[in-house]
Amino acid sequence: MKYPLQRQSQPVSGIAAQKVLEAIDSDKGVVNDRMIALAARRRQKALKNG
């Protein structure tokens, strides 16, 4: 995946780090809520446009 030049990778810390560790320990996936919302909007748009 390509990112814009101003985008930089940042270390995970705090609550996000805790979620990642819990997901790894429980064999579950880590999901970004904003990405789920974006995917839902794109799906609705695609269904609407046929």
N, C-alpha and C. Protein backbone atom coordinates (compact mmCIF):
# COMPACT_ATOMS: atom_id res chain seq x y z
N MET A 1 0.85 -1.16 0.00
CA MET A 1 0.00 0.00 0.00
C MET A 1 0.90 1.23 0.00
N LYS A 2 0.56 2.18 -0.81
CA LYS A 2 1.34 3.41 -0.86
C LYS A 2 0.65 4.49 -0.04
N TYR A 3 1.44 5.27 0.67
CA TYR A 3 0.94 6.35 1.50
C TYR A 3 1.42 7.68 0.95
N PRO A 4 0.68 8.75 1.19
CA PRO A 4 1.17 10.08 0.81
C PRO A 4 2.50 10.37 1.51
N LEU A 5 3.29 11.26 0.96
CA LEU A 5 4.62 11.52 1.50
C LEU A 5 4.59 12.03 2.94
N GLN A 6 3.56 12.78 3.33
CA GLN A 6 3.52 13.33 4.67
C GLN A 6 3.11 12.29 5.72
N ARG A 7 2.67 11.13 5.29
CA ARG A 7 2.23 10.10 6.22
C ARG A 7 3.42 9.30 6.72
N GLN A 8 3.50 9.11 8.02
CA GLN A 8 4.59 8.35 8.61
C GLN A 8 4.03 7.30 9.55
N SER A 9 4.72 6.19 9.63
CA SER A 9 4.35 5.14 10.55
C SER A 9 4.64 5.59 11.97
N GLN A 10 3.72 5.34 12.87
CA GLN A 10 3.89 5.72 14.26
C GLN A 10 3.80 4.48 15.14
N PRO A 11 4.51 4.46 16.25
CA PRO A 11 4.40 3.33 17.16
C PRO A 11 3.01 3.29 17.80
N VAL A 12 2.58 2.10 18.14
CA VAL A 12 1.28 1.92 18.78
C VAL A 12 1.49 2.03 20.28
N SER A 13 0.63 2.82 20.95
CA SER A 13 0.77 2.97 22.39
C SER A 13 -0.59 3.15 23.03
N GLY A 14 -0.65 3.06 24.32
CA GLY A 14 -1.87 3.31 25.07
C GLY A 14 -2.95 2.29 24.82
N ILE A 15 -4.17 2.79 24.64
CA ILE A 15 -5.34 1.92 24.46
C ILE A 15 -5.21 1.09 23.19
N ALA A 16 -4.68 1.69 22.13
CA ALA A 16 -4.51 0.96 20.87
C ALA A 16 -3.58 -0.23 21.06
N ALA A 17 -2.51 -0.05 21.80
CA ALA A 17 -1.57 -1.14 22.05
C ALA A 17 -2.24 -2.24 22.87
N GLN A 18 -3.05 -1.84 23.82
CA GLN A 18 -3.75 -2.82 24.65
C GLN A 18 -4.72 -3.64 23.79
N LYS A 19 -5.43 -2.99 22.86
CA LYS A 19 -6.35 -3.69 21.98
C LYS A 19 -5.61 -4.69 21.09
N VAL A 20 -4.45 -4.28 20.59
CA VAL A 20 -3.65 -5.17 19.74
C VAL A 20 -3.22 -6.41 20.53
N LEU A 21 -2.72 -6.19 21.76
CA LEU A 21 -2.27 -7.31 22.58
C LEU A 21 -3.43 -8.25 22.94
N GLU A 22 -4.58 -7.69 23.26
CA GLU A 22 -5.75 -8.51 23.58
C GLU A 22 -6.19 -9.32 22.38
N ALA A 23 -6.16 -8.71 21.20
CA ALA A 23 -6.56 -9.41 19.98
C ALA A 23 -5.59 -10.55 19.67
N ILE A 24 -4.31 -10.31 19.88
CA ILE A 24 -3.32 -11.37 19.64
C ILE A 24 -3.52 -12.51 20.63
N ASP A 25 -3.73 -12.17 21.89
CA ASP A 25 -3.92 -13.20 22.93
C ASP A 25 -5.18 -14.02 22.71
N SER A 26 -6.24 -13.42 22.17
CA SER A 26 -7.51 -14.12 21.99
C SER A 26 -7.71 -14.64 20.57
N ASP A 27 -6.68 -14.52 19.73
CA ASP A 27 -6.75 -14.98 18.32
C ASP A 27 -7.85 -14.29 17.53
N LYS A 28 -8.11 -13.03 17.84
CA LYS A 28 -9.10 -12.25 17.10
C LYS A 28 -8.38 -11.22 16.24
N GLY A 29 -9.11 -10.59 15.35
CA GLY A 29 -8.53 -9.57 14.50
C GLY A 29 -8.62 -8.20 15.14
N VAL A 30 -7.80 -7.29 14.64
CA VAL A 30 -7.83 -5.90 15.09
C VAL A 30 -8.50 -5.10 13.99
N VAL A 31 -9.55 -4.35 14.35
CA VAL A 31 -10.33 -3.63 13.35
C VAL A 31 -10.35 -2.15 13.68
N ASN A 32 -10.15 -1.37 12.66
CA ASN A 32 -10.20 0.07 12.79
C ASN A 32 -11.64 0.52 12.52
N ASP A 33 -12.28 1.15 13.49
CA ASP A 33 -13.68 1.57 13.36
C ASP A 33 -13.90 2.51 12.18
N ARG A 34 -12.93 3.38 11.91
CA ARG A 34 -13.07 4.31 10.79
C ARG A 34 -13.07 3.57 9.46
N MET A 35 -12.27 2.52 9.35
CA MET A 35 -12.24 1.74 8.11
C MET A 35 -13.54 0.98 7.91
N ILE A 36 -14.13 0.49 8.99
CA ILE A 36 -15.42 -0.20 8.88
C ILE A 36 -16.47 0.78 8.36
N ALA A 37 -16.49 1.98 8.90
CA ALA A 37 -17.46 3.00 8.47
C ALA A 37 -17.24 3.36 7.00
N LEU A 38 -15.98 3.51 6.60
CA LEU A 38 -15.68 3.83 5.21
C LEU A 38 -16.14 2.71 4.27
N ALA A 39 -15.88 1.48 4.66
CA ALA A 39 -16.29 0.34 3.84
C ALA A 39 -17.81 0.28 3.73
N ALA A 40 -18.51 0.56 4.81
CA ALA A 40 -19.97 0.56 4.79
C ALA A 40 -20.51 1.63 3.85
N ARG A 41 -19.92 2.83 3.91
CA ARG A 41 -20.37 3.90 3.01
C ARG A 41 -20.11 3.53 1.55
N ARG A 42 -18.96 2.96 1.27
CA ARG A 42 -18.64 2.58 -0.11
C ARG A 42 -19.58 1.48 -0.60
N ARG A 43 -19.92 0.56 0.29
CA ARG A 43 -20.84 -0.53 -0.09
C ARG A 43 -22.22 0.03 -0.38
N GLN A 44 -22.70 0.93 0.48
CA GLN A 44 -24.01 1.55 0.26
C GLN A 44 -24.02 2.33 -1.05
N LYS A 45 -22.96 3.04 -1.32
CA LYS A 45 -22.86 3.82 -2.56
C LYS A 45 -22.88 2.90 -3.78
N ALA A 46 -22.15 1.78 -3.67
CA ALA A 46 -22.09 0.83 -4.79
C ALA A 46 -23.46 0.20 -5.02
N LEU A 47 -24.15 -0.16 -3.94
CA LEU A 47 -25.48 -0.76 -4.09
C LEU A 47 -26.48 0.24 -4.65
N LYS A 48 -26.34 1.50 -4.23
CA LYS A 48 -27.24 2.55 -4.69
C LYS A 48 -27.07 2.81 -6.20
N ASN A 49 -25.81 2.79 -6.65
CA ASN A 49 -25.52 3.07 -8.06
C ASN A 49 -25.67 1.85 -8.96
N GLY A 50 -25.91 0.71 -8.36
CA GLY A 50 -26.14 -0.51 -9.14
C GLY A 50 -24.93 -1.04 -9.71
